[in-house]
Amino acid sequence: METILSLKDSIDYSSGATVSKIITKNKNGSTTLFSFDKGQNLSEHTAPFDASVLVLEGQCDISIAGESHLLSAGQLITMPANVPHALEAVTAFKMLLIMIKA
């Protein structure tokens, strides 16, 4: 069934925390909304699949293979599979993570 969402209005912030909300998930991939309070982070890790991050609100610093990228609302970055990456909230921010498995 079709669903129309206002992405940045579909998830709220939580003080001192990171919040996630799965929008779609199947064997081929997923789309997940995240909200990060300022200063929250995801430590360096790898993923077995390509992923893209679309910043919906605020700013974040995404490090891919040790290279830092400052992103703001409306910007998208692609993270290649099996490459170390990390994320830190420069301000409170919201993002959509798009993971494609096949």
PDB file of N, CA and C in Angstrom:
ATOM      1  N   MET A   1       0.834  -1.176   0.000  1.00  0.00           N
ATOM      2  CA  MET A   1       0.000   0.000   0.000  1.00  0.00           C
ATOM      3  C   MET A   1       0.884   1.248   0.000  1.00  0.00           C
ATOM      4  N   GLU A   2       0.438   2.265  -0.686  1.00  0.00           N
ATOM      5  CA  GLU A   2       1.187   3.510  -0.754  1.00  0.00           C
ATOM      6  C   GLU A   2       1.135   4.243   0.579  1.00  0.00           C
ATOM      7  N   THR A   3       2.233   4.902   0.905  1.00  0.00           N
ATOM      8  CA  THR A   3       2.286   5.714   2.109  1.00  0.00           C
ATOM      9  C   THR A   3       3.039   6.992   1.784  1.00  0.00           C
ATOM     10  N   ILE A   4       2.465   8.118   2.146  1.00  0.00           N
ATOM     11  CA  ILE A   4       3.131   9.406   1.981  1.00  0.00           C
ATOM     12  C   ILE A   4       3.542   9.883   3.361  1.00  0.00           C
ATOM     13  N   LEU A   5       4.840  10.197   3.504  1.00  0.00           N
ATOM     14  CA  LEU A   5       5.361  10.631   4.793  1.00  0.00           C
ATOM     15  C   LEU A   5       6.048  11.986   4.650  1.00  0.00           C
ATOM     16  N   SER A   6       5.936  12.790   5.650  1.00  0.00           N
ATOM     17  CA  SER A   6       6.808  13.941   5.806  1.00  0.00           C
ATOM     18  C   SER A   6       7.960  13.427   6.654  1.00  0.00           C
ATOM     19  N   LEU A   7       9.082  13.110   6.028  1.00  0.00           N
ATOM     20  CA  LEU A   7      10.151  12.382   6.710  1.00  0.00           C
ATOM     21  C   LEU A   7      10.616  13.050   7.994  1.00  0.00           C
ATOM     22  N   LYS A   8      10.948  14.343   7.926  1.00  0.00           N
ATOM     23  CA  LYS A   8      11.498  14.962   9.135  1.00  0.00           C
ATOM     24  C   LYS A   8      10.459  15.125  10.236  1.00  0.00           C
ATOM     25  N   ASP A   9       9.174  15.066   9.893  1.00  0.00           N
ATOM     26  CA  ASP A   9       8.118  15.138  10.912  1.00  0.00           C
ATOM     27  C   ASP A   9       7.726  13.760  11.444  1.00  0.00           C
ATOM     28  N   SER A  10       8.312  12.701  10.861  1.00  0.00           N
ATOM     29  CA  SER A  10       7.943  11.339  11.233  1.00  0.00           C
ATOM     30  C   SER A  10       8.773  10.764  12.378  1.00  0.00           C
ATOM     31  N   ILE A  11       9.719  11.556  12.879  1.00  0.00           N
ATOM     32  CA  ILE A  11      10.553  11.108  13.999  1.00  0.00           C
ATOM     33  C   ILE A  11      10.864  12.323  14.875  1.00  0.00           C
ATOM     34  N   ASP A  12      10.890  12.094  16.185  1.00  0.00           N
ATOM     35  CA  ASP A  12      11.163  13.174  17.133  1.00  0.00           C
ATOM     36  C   ASP A  12      12.552  13.003  17.731  1.00  0.00           C
ATOM     37  N   TYR A  13      13.048  14.080  18.315  1.00  0.00           N
ATOM     38  CA  TYR A  13      14.311  14.033  19.052  1.00  0.00           C
ATOM     39  C   TYR A  13      14.051  13.534  20.468  1.00  0.00           C
ATOM     40  N   SER A  14      15.091  12.950  21.066  1.00  0.00           N
ATOM     41  CA  SER A  14      15.072  12.570  22.464  1.00  0.00           C
ATOM     42  C   SER A  14      16.357  13.113  23.085  1.00  0.00           C
ATOM     43  N   SER A  15      16.227  13.865  24.164  1.00  0.00           N
ATOM     44  CA  SER A  15      17.367  14.521  24.788  1.00  0.00           C
ATOM     45  C   SER A  15      18.471  13.512  25.137  1.00  0.00           C
ATOM     46  N   GLY A  16      19.684  13.790  24.642  1.00  0.00           N
ATOM     47  CA  GLY A  16      20.832  12.945  24.946  1.00  0.00           C
ATOM     48  C   GLY A  16      20.807  11.579  24.310  1.00  0.00           C
ATOM     49  N   ALA A  17      20.017  11.408  23.234  1.00  0.00           N
ATOM     50  CA  ALA A  17      19.841  10.067  22.679  1.00  0.00           C
ATOM     51  C   ALA A  17      19.769  10.073  21.150  1.00  0.00           C
ATOM     52  N   THR A  18      19.829   8.872  20.619  1.00  0.00           N
ATOM     53  CA  THR A  18      19.601   8.618  19.204  1.00  0.00           C
ATOM     54  C   THR A  18      18.331   7.787  19.088  1.00  0.00           C
ATOM     55  N   VAL A  19      17.466   8.154  18.148  1.00  0.00           N
ATOM     56  CA  VAL A  19      16.194   7.459  17.941  1.00  0.00           C
ATOM     57  C   VAL A  19      16.176   6.932  16.507  1.00  0.00           C
ATOM     58  N   SER A  20      15.665   5.723  16.312  1.00  0.00           N
ATOM     59  CA  SER A  20      15.532   5.181  14.958  1.00  0.00           C
ATOM     60  C   SER A  20      14.114   4.662  14.735  1.00  0.00           C
ATOM     61  N   LYS A  21      13.709   4.699  13.481  1.00  0.00           N
ATOM     62  CA  LYS A  21      12.373   4.237  13.098  1.00  0.00           C
ATOM     63  C   LYS A  21      12.466   3.613  11.706  1.00  0.00           C
ATOM     64  N   ILE A  22      12.201   2.315  11.613  1.00  0.00           N
ATOM     65  CA  ILE A  22      12.241   1.623  10.325  1.00  0.00           C
ATOM     66  C   ILE A  22      11.023   2.034   9.504  1.00  0.00           C
ATOM     67  N   ILE A  23      11.294   2.470   8.269  1.00  0.00           N
ATOM     68  CA  ILE A  23      10.218   2.857   7.349  1.00  0.00           C
ATOM     69  C   ILE A  23       9.868   1.683   6.448  1.00  0.00           C
ATOM     70  N   THR A  24      10.892   1.085   5.830  1.00  0.00           N
ATOM     71  CA  THR A  24      10.686  -0.109   5.005  1.00  0.00           C
ATOM     72  C   THR A  24      11.830  -1.082   5.262  1.00  0.00           C
ATOM     73  N   LYS A  25      11.524  -2.376   5.133  1.00  0.00           N
ATOM     74  CA  LYS A  25      12.564  -3.391   5.278  1.00  0.00           C
ATOM     75  C   LYS A  25      12.115  -4.645   4.556  1.00  0.00           C
ATOM     76  N   ASN A  26      13.000  -5.149   3.699  1.00  0.00           N
ATOM     77  CA  ASN A  26      12.760  -6.438   3.057  1.00  0.00           C
ATOM     78  C   ASN A  26      14.109  -7.070   2.728  1.00  0.00           C
ATOM     79  N   LYS A  27      14.116  -8.183   2.008  1.00  0.00           N
ATOM     80  CA  LYS A  27      15.360  -8.900   1.743  1.00  0.00           C
ATOM     81  C   LYS A  27      16.347  -8.098   0.893  1.00  0.00           C
ATOM     82  N   ASN A  28      15.871  -7.074   0.196  1.00  0.00           N
ATOM     83  CA  ASN A  28      16.734  -6.285  -0.682  1.00  0.00           C
ATOM     84  C   ASN A  28      17.297  -5.028  -0.035  1.00  0.00           C
ATOM     85  N   GLY A  29      16.801  -4.671   1.147  1.00  0.00           N
ATOM     86  CA  GLY A  29      17.320  -3.476   1.800  1.00  0.00           C
ATOM     87  C   GLY A  29      16.323  -2.858   2.756  1.00  0.00           C
ATOM     88  N   SER A  30      16.668  -1.645   3.198  1.00  0.00           N
ATOM     89  CA  SER A  30      15.808  -0.972   4.167  1.00  0.00           C
ATOM     90  C   SER A  30      15.969   0.537   4.071  1.00  0.00           C
ATOM     91  N   THR A  31      14.974   1.243   4.593  1.00  0.00           N
ATOM     92  CA  THR A  31      15.059   2.689   4.794  1.00  0.00           C
ATOM     93  C   THR A  31      14.697   2.934   6.256  1.00  0.00           C
ATOM     94  N   THR A  32      15.563   3.673   6.934  1.00  0.00           N
ATOM     95  CA  THR A  32      15.380   3.913   8.360  1.00  0.00           C
ATOM     96  C   THR A  32      15.604   5.386   8.667  1.00  0.00           C
ATOM     97  N   LEU A  33      14.678   5.975   9.413  1.00  0.00           N
ATOM     98  CA  LEU A  33      14.833   7.345   9.888  1.00  0.00           C
ATOM     99  C   LEU A  33      15.610   7.337  11.195  1.00  0.00           C
ATOM    100  N   PHE A  34      16.459   8.330  11.380  1.00  0.00           N
ATOM    101  CA  PHE A  34      17.188   8.517  12.627  1.00  0.00           C
ATOM    102  C   PHE A  34      17.094   9.962  13.065  1.00  0.00           C
ATOM    103  N   SER A  35      17.052  10.189  14.367  1.00  0.00           N
ATOM    104  CA  SER A  35      17.255  11.525  14.926  1.00  0.00           C
ATOM    105  C   SER A  35      18.360  11.399  15.974  1.00  0.00           C
ATOM    106  N   PHE A  36      19.268  12.356  15.966  1.00  0.00           N
ATOM    107  CA  PHE A  36      20.401  12.390  16.889  1.00  0.00           C
ATOM    108  C   PHE A  36      20.377  13.701  17.643  1.00  0.00           C
ATOM    109  N   ASP A  37      20.470  13.659  18.956  1.00  0.00           N
ATOM    110  CA  ASP A  37      20.661  14.878  19.712  1.00  0.00           C
ATOM    111  C   ASP A  37      22.090  15.359  19.468  1.00  0.00           C
ATOM    112  N   LYS A  38      22.343  16.642  19.620  1.00  0.00           N
ATOM    113  CA  LYS A  38      23.672  17.210  19.419  1.00  0.00           C
ATOM    114  C   LYS A  38      24.701  16.424  20.240  1.00  0.00           C
ATOM    115  N   GLY A  39      25.822  16.064  19.583  1.00  0.00           N
ATOM    116  CA  GLY A  39      26.890  15.352  20.256  1.00  0.00           C
ATOM    117  C   GLY A  39      26.771  13.837  20.231  1.00  0.00           C
ATOM    118  N   GLN A  40      25.605  13.310  19.870  1.00  0.00           N
ATOM    119  CA  GLN A  40      25.453  11.858  19.771  1.00  0.00           C
ATOM    120  C   GLN A  40      26.234  11.358  18.557  1.00  0.00           C
ATOM    121  N   ASN A  41      26.620  10.087  18.574  1.00  0.00           N
ATOM    122  CA  ASN A  41      27.416   9.572  17.466  1.00  0.00           C
ATOM    123  C   ASN A  41      27.178   8.086  17.244  1.00  0.00           C
ATOM    124  N   LEU A  42      27.665   7.632  16.114  1.00  0.00           N
ATOM    125  CA  LEU A  42      27.788   6.207  15.820  1.00  0.00           C
ATOM    126  C   LEU A  42      29.282   5.961  15.658  1.00  0.00           C
ATOM    127  N   SER A  43      29.840   5.070  16.446  1.00  0.00           N
ATOM    128  CA  SER A  43      31.274   4.802  16.372  1.00  0.00           C
ATOM    129  C   SER A  43      31.608   4.124  15.045  1.00  0.00           C
ATOM    130  N   GLU A  44      32.891   4.151  14.712  1.00  0.00           N
ATOM    131  CA  GLU A  44      33.335   3.606  13.435  1.00  0.00           C
ATOM    132  C   GLU A  44      32.935   2.133  13.304  1.00  0.00           C
ATOM    133  N   HIS A  45      32.406   1.805  12.138  1.00  0.00           N
ATOM    134  CA  HIS A  45      31.976   0.443  11.839  1.00  0.00           C
ATOM    135  C   HIS A  45      31.963   0.263  10.324  1.00  0.00           C
ATOM    136  N   THR A  46      31.704  -0.942   9.878  1.00  0.00           N
ATOM    137  CA  THR A  46      31.531  -1.213   8.455  1.00  0.00           C
ATOM    138  C   THR A  46      30.175  -1.869   8.248  1.00  0.00           C
ATOM    139  N   ALA A  47      29.715  -1.841   7.022  1.00  0.00           N
ATOM    140  CA  ALA A  47      28.473  -2.513   6.646  1.00  0.00           C
ATOM    141  C   ALA A  47      28.756  -3.317   5.375  1.00  0.00           C
ATOM    142  N   PRO A  48      28.137  -4.475   5.227  1.00  0.00           N
ATOM    143  CA  PRO A  48      28.416  -5.324   4.063  1.00  0.00           C
ATOM    144  C   PRO A  48      27.740  -4.851   2.774  1.00  0.00           C
ATOM    145  N   PHE A  49      26.987  -3.744   2.845  1.00  0.00           N
ATOM    146  CA  PHE A  49      26.254  -3.253   1.686  1.00  0.00           C
ATOM    147  C   PHE A  49      26.470  -1.749   1.534  1.00  0.00           C
ATOM    148  N   ASP A  50      26.323  -1.242   0.306  1.00  0.00           N
ATOM    149  CA  ASP A  50      26.347   0.198   0.088  1.00  0.00           C
ATOM    150  C   ASP A  50      25.193   0.830   0.854  1.00  0.00           C
ATOM    151  N   ALA A  51      25.415   2.051   1.324  1.00  0.00           N
ATOM    152  CA  ALA A  51      24.370   2.777   2.044  1.00  0.00           C
ATOM    153  C   ALA A  51      24.464   4.248   1.681  1.00  0.00           C
ATOM    154  N   SER A  52      23.330   4.930   1.715  1.00  0.00           N
ATOM    155  CA  SER A  52      23.286   6.373   1.496  1.00  0.00           C
ATOM    156  C   SER A  52      22.614   7.031   2.679  1.00  0.00           C
ATOM    157  N   VAL A  53      23.110   8.216   3.039  1.00  0.00           N
ATOM    158  CA  VAL A  53      22.521   9.018   4.105  1.00  0.00           C
ATOM    159  C   VAL A  53      22.021  10.317   3.487  1.00  0.00           C
ATOM    160  N   LEU A  54      20.746  10.623   3.709  1.00  0.00           N
ATOM    161  CA  LEU A  54      20.139  11.881   3.306  1.00  0.00           C
ATOM    162  C   LEU A  54      19.848  12.669   4.577  1.00  0.00           C
ATOM    163  N   VAL A  55      20.515  13.820   4.727  1.00  0.00           N
ATOM    164  CA  VAL A  55      20.300  14.650   5.908  1.00  0.00           C
ATOM    165  C   VAL A  55      19.006  15.448   5.707  1.00  0.00           C
ATOM    166  N   LEU A  56      18.096  15.332   6.658  1.00  0.00           N
ATOM    167  CA  LEU A  56      16.783  15.969   6.570  1.00  0.00           C
ATOM    168  C   LEU A  56      16.726  17.289   7.332  1.00  0.00           C
ATOM    169  N   GLU A  57      17.533  17.383   8.392  1.00  0.00           N
ATOM    170  CA  GLU A  57      17.487  18.569   9.261  1.00  0.00           C
ATOM    171  C   GLU A  57      18.795  18.622  10.045  1.00  0.00           C
ATOM    172  N   GLY A  58      19.354  19.801  10.244  1.00  0.00           N
ATOM    173  CA  GLY A  58      20.550  19.957  11.050  1.00  0.00           C
ATOM    174  C   GLY A  58      21.823  19.628  10.298  1.00  0.00           C
ATOM    175  N   GLN A  59      22.906  19.356  11.069  1.00  0.00           N
ATOM    176  CA  GLN A  59      24.206  19.064  10.482  1.00  0.00           C
ATOM    177  C   GLN A  59      24.862  17.872  11.169  1.00  0.00           C
ATOM    178  N   CYS A  60      25.630  17.115  10.379  1.00  0.00           N
ATOM    179  CA  CYS A  60      26.397  15.997  10.931  1.00  0.00           C
ATOM    180  C   CYS A  60      27.746  15.919  10.249  1.00  0.00           C
ATOM    181  N   ASP A  61      28.672  15.270  10.923  1.00  0.00           N
ATOM    182  CA  ASP A  61      29.996  14.996  10.375  1.00  0.00           C
ATOM    183  C   ASP A  61      30.077  13.496  10.153  1.00  0.00           C
ATOM    184  N   ILE A  62      30.233  13.105   8.892  1.00  0.00           N
ATOM    185  CA  ILE A  62      30.362  11.690   8.555  1.00  0.00           C
ATOM    186  C   ILE A  62      31.785  11.449   8.082  1.00  0.00           C
ATOM    187  N   SER A  63      32.439  10.502   8.721  1.00  0.00           N
ATOM    188  CA  SER A  63      33.799  10.124   8.363  1.00  0.00           C
ATOM    189  C   SER A  63      33.741   8.808   7.590  1.00  0.00           C
ATOM    190  N   ILE A  64      34.336   8.801   6.396  1.00  0.00           N
ATOM    191  CA  ILE A  64      34.394   7.597   5.570  1.00  0.00           C
ATOM    192  C   ILE A  64      35.855   7.334   5.252  1.00  0.00           C
ATOM    193  N   ALA A  65      36.350   6.190   5.680  1.00  0.00           N
ATOM    194  CA  ALA A  65      37.760   5.829   5.491  1.00  0.00           C
ATOM    195  C   ALA A  65      38.673   6.935   6.010  1.00  0.00           C
ATOM    196  N   GLY A  66      38.291   7.537   7.141  1.00  0.00           N
ATOM    197  CA  GLY A  66      39.108   8.559   7.781  1.00  0.00           C
ATOM    198  C   GLY A  66      38.954   9.960   7.232  1.00  0.00           C
ATOM    199  N   GLU A  67      38.161  10.147   6.157  1.00  0.00           N
ATOM    200  CA  GLU A  67      37.939  11.471   5.579  1.00  0.00           C
ATOM    201  C   GLU A  67      36.620  12.041   6.093  1.00  0.00           C
ATOM    202  N   SER A  68      36.691  13.245   6.660  1.00  0.00           N
ATOM    203  CA  SER A  68      35.535  13.884   7.270  1.00  0.00           C
ATOM    204  C   SER A  68      34.714  14.656   6.233  1.00  0.00           C
ATOM    205  N   HIS A  69      33.374  14.548   6.367  1.00  0.00           N
ATOM    206  CA  HIS A  69      32.450  15.248   5.464  1.00  0.00           C
ATOM    207  C   HIS A  69      31.373  15.916   6.317  1.00  0.00           C
ATOM    208  N   LEU A  70      31.280  17.241   6.243  1.00  0.00           N
ATOM    209  CA  LEU A  70      30.244  17.977   6.963  1.00  0.00           C
ATOM    210  C   LEU A  70      29.030  18.081   6.053  1.00  0.00           C
ATOM    211  N   LEU A  71      27.899  17.524   6.503  1.00  0.00           N
ATOM    212  CA  LEU A  71      26.680  17.536   5.707  1.00  0.00           C
ATOM    213  C   LEU A  71      25.594  18.339   6.406  1.00  0.00           C
ATOM    214  N   SER A  72      24.765  18.998   5.598  1.00  0.00           N
ATOM    215  CA  SER A  72      23.637  19.791   6.078  1.00  0.00           C
ATOM    216  C   SER A  72      22.359  19.300   5.418  1.00  0.00           C
ATOM    217  N   ALA A  73      21.235  19.796   5.918  1.00  0.00           N
ATOM    218  CA  ALA A  73      19.925  19.410   5.392  1.00  0.00           C
ATOM    219  C   ALA A  73      19.896  19.503   3.870  1.00  0.00           C
ATOM    220  N   GLY A  74      19.370  18.443   3.256  1.00  0.00           N
ATOM    221  CA  GLY A  74      19.233  18.389   1.807  1.00  0.00           C
ATOM    222  C   GLY A  74      20.390  17.704   1.104  1.00  0.00           C
ATOM    223  N   GLN A  75      21.483  17.411   1.839  1.00  0.00           N
ATOM    224  CA  GLN A  75      22.628  16.765   1.216  1.00  0.00           C
ATOM    225  C   GLN A  75      22.583  15.255   1.439  1.00  0.00           C
ATOM    226  N   LEU A  76      23.155  14.525   0.464  1.00  0.00           N
ATOM    227  CA  LEU A  76      23.188  13.070   0.503  1.00  0.00           C
ATOM    228  C   LEU A  76      24.621  12.612   0.278  1.00  0.00           C
ATOM    229  N   ILE A  77      25.031  11.580   0.992  1.00  0.00           N
ATOM    230  CA  ILE A  77      26.344  10.975   0.799  1.00  0.00           C
ATOM    231  C   ILE A  77      26.173   9.465   0.706  1.00  0.00           C
ATOM    232  N   THR A  78      26.997   8.842  -0.148  1.00  0.00           N
ATOM    233  CA  THR A  78      26.971   7.397  -0.300  1.00  0.00           C
ATOM    234  C   THR A  78      28.198   6.810   0.378  1.00  0.00           C
ATOM    235  N   MET A  79      27.979   5.751   1.137  1.00  0.00           N
ATOM    236  CA  MET A  79      29.052   5.061   1.848  1.00  0.00           C
ATOM    237  C   MET A  79      29.217   3.679   1.226  1.00  0.00           C
ATOM    238  N   PRO A  80      30.391   3.402   0.660  1.00  0.00           N
ATOM    239  CA  PRO A  80      30.596   2.102   0.016  1.00  0.00           C
ATOM    240  C   PRO A  80      30.619   0.946   1.018  1.00  0.00           C
ATOM    241  N   ALA A  81      30.234  -0.203   0.554  1.00  0.00           N
ATOM    242  CA  ALA A  81      30.250  -1.415   1.378  1.00  0.00           C
ATOM    243  C   ALA A  81      31.654  -1.702   1.889  1.00  0.00           C
ATOM    244  N   ASN A  82      31.727  -2.202   3.123  1.00  0.00           N
ATOM    245  CA  ASN A  82      32.966  -2.671   3.743  1.00  0.00           C
ATOM    246  C   ASN A  82      34.021  -1.594   3.968  1.00  0.00           C
ATOM    247  N   VAL A  83      33.647  -0.326   3.908  1.00  0.00           N
ATOM    248  CA  VAL A  83      34.570   0.784   4.182  1.00  0.00           C
ATOM    249  C   VAL A  83      34.200   1.365   5.545  1.00  0.00           C
ATOM    250  N   PRO A  84      35.166   1.520   6.456  1.00  0.00           N
ATOM    251  CA  PRO A  84      34.853   2.055   7.787  1.00  0.00           C
ATOM    252  C   PRO A  84      34.256   3.461   7.708  1.00  0.00           C
ATOM    253  N   HIS A  85      33.213   3.665   8.504  1.00  0.00           N
ATOM    254  CA  HIS A  85      32.584   4.984   8.566  1.00  0.00           C
ATOM    255  C   HIS A  85      32.052   5.224   9.980  1.00  0.00           C
ATOM    256  N   ALA A  86      31.902   6.503  10.309  1.00  0.00           N
ATOM    257  CA  ALA A  86      31.395   6.918  11.615  1.00  0.00           C
ATOM    258  C   ALA A  86      30.612   8.205  11.417  1.00  0.00           C
ATOM    259  N   LEU A  87      29.859   8.579  12.442  1.00  0.00           N
ATOM    260  CA  LEU A  87      28.982   9.739  12.334  1.00  0.00           C
ATOM    261  C   LEU A  87      28.913  10.470  13.669  1.00  0.00           C
ATOM    262  N   GLU A  88      28.883  11.809  13.625  1.00  0.00           N
ATOM    263  CA  GLU A  88      28.681  12.604  14.831  1.00  0.00           C
ATOM    264  C   GLU A  88      27.726  13.753  14.535  1.00  0.00           C
ATOM    265  N   ALA A  89      26.806  14.008  15.462  1.00  0.00           N
ATOM    266  CA  ALA A  89      25.833  15.087  15.319  1.00  0.00           C
ATOM    267  C   ALA A  89      26.485  16.414  15.710  1.00  0.00           C
ATOM    268  N   VAL A  90      26.723  17.283  14.736  1.00  0.00           N
ATOM    269  CA  VAL A  90      27.267  18.615  14.984  1.00  0.00           C
ATOM    270  C   VAL A  90      26.195  19.467  15.663  1.00  0.00           C
ATOM    271  N   THR A  91      24.963  19.329  15.177  1.00  0.00           N
ATOM    272  CA  THR A  91      23.765  19.896  15.805  1.00  0.00           C
ATOM    273  C   THR A  91      22.797  18.734  15.958  1.00  0.00           C
ATOM    274  N   ALA A  92      21.695  18.951  16.629  1.00  0.00           N
ATOM    275  CA  ALA A  92      20.638  17.937  16.574  1.00  0.00           C
ATOM    276  C   ALA A  92      20.300  17.776  15.087  1.00  0.00           C
ATOM    277  N   PHE A  93      20.186  16.542  14.634  1.00  0.00           N
ATOM    278  CA  PHE A  93      19.876  16.362  13.218  1.00  0.00           C
ATOM    279  C   PHE A  93      19.079  15.087  12.983  1.00  0.00           C
ATOM    280  N   LYS A  94      18.439  15.069  11.801  1.00  0.00           N
ATOM    281  CA  LYS A  94      17.654  13.914  11.369  1.00  0.00           C
ATOM    282  C   LYS A  94      18.162  13.460  10.018  1.00  0.00           C
ATOM    283  N   MET A  95      18.112  12.146   9.805  1.00  0.00           N
ATOM    284  CA  MET A  95      18.582  11.598   8.536  1.00  0.00           C
ATOM    285  C   MET A  95      17.751  10.394   8.129  1.00  0.00           C
ATOM    286  N   LEU A  96      17.801  10.095   6.844  1.00  0.00           N
ATOM    287  CA  LEU A  96      17.237   8.872   6.297  1.00  0.00           C
ATOM    288  C   LEU A  96      18.402   8.014   5.836  1.00  0.00           C
ATOM    289  N   LEU A  97      18.492   6.784   6.348  1.00  0.00           N
ATOM    290  CA  LEU A  97      19.515   5.825   5.921  1.00  0.00           C
ATOM    291  C   LEU A  97      18.868   4.877   4.917  1.00  0.00           C
ATOM    292  N   ILE A  98      19.480   4.777   3.754  1.00  0.00           N
ATOM    293  CA  ILE A  98      18.994   3.899   2.685  1.00  0.00           C
ATOM    294  C   ILE A  98      20.035   2.811   2.484  1.00  0.00           C
ATOM    295  N   MET A  99      19.667   1.572   2.763  1.00  0.00           N
ATOM    296  CA  MET A  99      20.585   0.438   2.648  1.00  0.00           C
ATOM    297  C   MET A  99      20.078  -0.463   1.525  1.00  0.00           C
ATOM    298  N   ILE A 100      20.934  -0.700   0.533  1.00  0.00           N
ATOM    299  CA  ILE A 100      20.578  -1.551  -0.592  1.00  0.00           C
ATOM    300  C   ILE A 100      21.414  -2.820  -0.533  1.00  0.00           C
ATOM    301  N   LYS A 101      20.756  -3.963  -0.411  1.00  0.00           N
ATOM    302  CA  LYS A 101      21.461  -5.236  -0.288  1.00  0.00           C
ATOM    303  C   LYS A 101      21.638  -5.938  -1.632  1.00  0.00           C
ATOM    304  N   ALA A 102      20.743  -5.707  -2.553  1.00  0.00           N
ATOM    305  CA  ALA A 102      20.821  -6.406  -3.842  1.00  0.00           C
ATOM    306  C   ALA A 102      20.495  -5.456  -4.973  1.00  0.00           C
TER     307      ALA A 102
END
